[in-house]
Amino acid sequence: MAQVLVRNLDDSVVASLKQRAFAKGVSLEQELREVLTVASRPDRKELLAELARCRALTPAKHRTLAEEVIRAVREES
């Protein structure tokens, strides 16, 4: 696993993070891991773009809805 050293953080930022960690009952290091993990996740715009890219890989063709199949079977009976 990688390590990161962040220099010149404002004392109030560190104090705030320490308070958050204490309130959760975790170490400052664990709280920082969680904050960075959440911050590294793709945002909504990025997720939508990825979904659109995936949809573009699927050929567009007519799909029969399950409701239509059920109706057709019931009408035959």
C-alpha atoms as a PDB file:
ATOM      1  CA  MET A   1       0.000   0.000   0.000  1.00  0.00           C
ATOM      2  CA  ALA A   2       1.097   3.524  -0.711  1.00  0.00           C
ATOM      3  CA  GLN A   3       1.913   6.174   1.835  1.00  0.00           C
ATOM      4  CA  VAL A   4       1.322   9.901   1.490  1.00  0.00           C
ATOM      5  CA  LEU A   5       2.842  12.739   3.461  1.00  0.00           C
ATOM      6  CA  VAL A   6       0.884  15.996   3.481  1.00  0.00           C
ATOM      7  CA  ARG A   7       2.766  19.038   4.685  1.00  0.00           C
ATOM      8  CA  ASN A   8       1.657  22.467   5.834  1.00  0.00           C
ATOM      9  CA  LEU A   9      -1.870  21.564   6.884  1.00  0.00           C
ATOM     10  CA  ASP A  10      -3.624  24.264   8.819  1.00  0.00           C
ATOM     11  CA  ASP A  11      -3.833  23.413  12.525  1.00  0.00           C
ATOM     12  CA  SER A  12      -7.599  23.948  12.495  1.00  0.00           C
ATOM     13  CA  VAL A  13      -7.979  21.348   9.727  1.00  0.00           C
ATOM     14  CA  VAL A  14      -6.049  18.764  11.731  1.00  0.00           C
ATOM     15  CA  ALA A  15      -8.019  19.602  14.883  1.00  0.00           C
ATOM     16  CA  SER A  16     -11.307  19.221  13.017  1.00  0.00           C
ATOM     17  CA  LEU A  17     -10.263  15.853  11.595  1.00  0.00           C
ATOM     18  CA  LYS A  18      -9.129  14.683  15.015  1.00  0.00           C
ATOM     19  CA  GLN A  19     -12.534  15.623  16.443  1.00  0.00           C
ATOM     20  CA  ARG A  20     -14.322  13.720  13.662  1.00  0.00           C
ATOM     21  CA  ALA A  21     -12.147  10.675  14.299  1.00  0.00           C
ATOM     22  CA  PHE A  22     -12.712  10.845  18.049  1.00  0.00           C
ATOM     23  CA  ALA A  23     -16.483  11.142  17.565  1.00  0.00           C
ATOM     24  CA  LYS A  24     -16.446   7.997  15.417  1.00  0.00           C
ATOM     25  CA  GLY A  25     -14.136   6.162  17.782  1.00  0.00           C
ATOM     26  CA  VAL A  26     -11.416   5.700  15.182  1.00  0.00           C
ATOM     27  CA  SER A  27      -7.870   6.919  14.820  1.00  0.00           C
ATOM     28  CA  LEU A  28      -6.988  10.054  12.901  1.00  0.00           C
ATOM     29  CA  GLU A  29      -5.221   7.837  10.384  1.00  0.00           C
ATOM     30  CA  GLN A  30      -8.363   5.758   9.798  1.00  0.00           C
ATOM     31  CA  GLU A  31     -10.500   8.880   9.450  1.00  0.00           C
ATOM     32  CA  LEU A  32      -8.074  10.256   6.875  1.00  0.00           C
ATOM     33  CA  ARG A  33      -8.244   6.963   4.948  1.00  0.00           C
ATOM     34  CA  GLU A  34     -12.039   7.219   4.865  1.00  0.00           C
ATOM     35  CA  VAL A  35     -12.016  10.880   3.809  1.00  0.00           C
ATOM     36  CA  LEU A  36      -9.559  10.209   0.991  1.00  0.00           C
ATOM     37  CA  THR A  37     -11.413   7.089  -0.141  1.00  0.00           C
ATOM     38  CA  VAL A  38     -14.701   8.991  -0.412  1.00  0.00           C
ATOM     39  CA  ALA A  39     -12.984  11.904  -2.162  1.00  0.00           C
ATOM     40  CA  SER A  40     -11.460   9.569  -4.750  1.00  0.00           C
ATOM     41  CA  ARG A  41     -14.789   8.092  -5.863  1.00  0.00           C
ATOM     42  CA  PRO A  42     -16.119   9.207  -9.232  1.00  0.00           C
ATOM     43  CA  ASP A  43     -18.763  11.901  -9.115  1.00  0.00           C
ATOM     44  CA  ARG A  44     -22.242  11.593 -10.616  1.00  0.00           C
ATOM     45  CA  LYS A  45     -21.199  13.112 -13.938  1.00  0.00           C
ATOM     46  CA  GLU A  46     -18.337  10.630 -14.307  1.00  0.00           C
ATOM     47  CA  LEU A  47     -20.596   7.702 -13.420  1.00  0.00           C
ATOM     48  CA  LEU A  48     -23.234   8.760 -15.945  1.00  0.00           C
ATOM     49  CA  ALA A  49     -20.567   9.102 -18.638  1.00  0.00           C
ATOM     50  CA  GLU A  50     -19.299   5.589 -17.881  1.00  0.00           C
ATOM     51  CA  LEU A  51     -22.825   4.184 -18.004  1.00  0.00           C
ATOM     52  CA  ALA A  52     -23.413   5.881 -21.354  1.00  0.00           C
ATOM     53  CA  ARG A  53     -20.171   4.377 -22.658  1.00  0.00           C
ATOM     54  CA  CYS A  54     -21.281   0.918 -21.532  1.00  0.00           C
ATOM     55  CA  ARG A  55     -24.715   1.358 -23.113  1.00  0.00           C
ATOM     56  CA  ALA A  56     -23.068   2.341 -26.387  1.00  0.00           C
ATOM     57  CA  LEU A  57     -21.352  -1.060 -26.458  1.00  0.00           C
ATOM     58  CA  THR A  58     -24.722  -2.837 -26.424  1.00  0.00           C
ATOM     59  CA  PRO A  59     -26.407  -3.020 -29.808  1.00  0.00           C
ATOM     60  CA  ALA A  60     -29.730  -1.223 -29.945  1.00  0.00           C
ATOM     61  CA  LYS A  61     -32.443  -3.676 -30.857  1.00  0.00           C
ATOM     62  CA  HIS A  62     -36.064  -4.173 -30.064  1.00  0.00           C
ATOM     63  CA  ARG A  63     -36.595  -5.987 -26.809  1.00  0.00           C
ATOM     64  CA  THR A  64     -39.819  -7.687 -25.915  1.00  0.00           C
ATOM     65  CA  LEU A  65     -41.141  -6.688 -22.529  1.00  0.00           C
ATOM     66  CA  ALA A  66     -42.116  -9.463 -20.153  1.00  0.00           C
ATOM     67  CA  GLU A  67     -45.616  -7.978 -19.920  1.00  0.00           C
ATOM     68  CA  GLU A  68     -46.068  -8.378 -23.660  1.00  0.00           C
ATOM     69  CA  VAL A  69     -45.038 -12.040 -23.546  1.00  0.00           C
ATOM     70  CA  ILE A  70     -47.410 -12.746 -20.648  1.00  0.00           C
ATOM     71  CA  ARG A  71     -50.314 -11.049 -22.455  1.00  0.00           C
ATOM     72  CA  ALA A  72     -49.622 -13.013 -25.626  1.00  0.00           C
ATOM     73  CA  VAL A  73     -49.553 -16.317 -23.741  1.00  0.00           C
ATOM     74  CA  ARG A  74     -52.794 -15.466 -21.894  1.00  0.00           C
ATOM     75  CA  GLU A  75     -54.519 -14.498 -25.133  1.00  0.00           C
ATOM     76  CA  GLU A  76     -53.562 -17.848 -26.690  1.00  0.00           C
ATOM     77  CA  SER A  77     -55.177 -19.766 -23.831  1.00  0.00           C
END
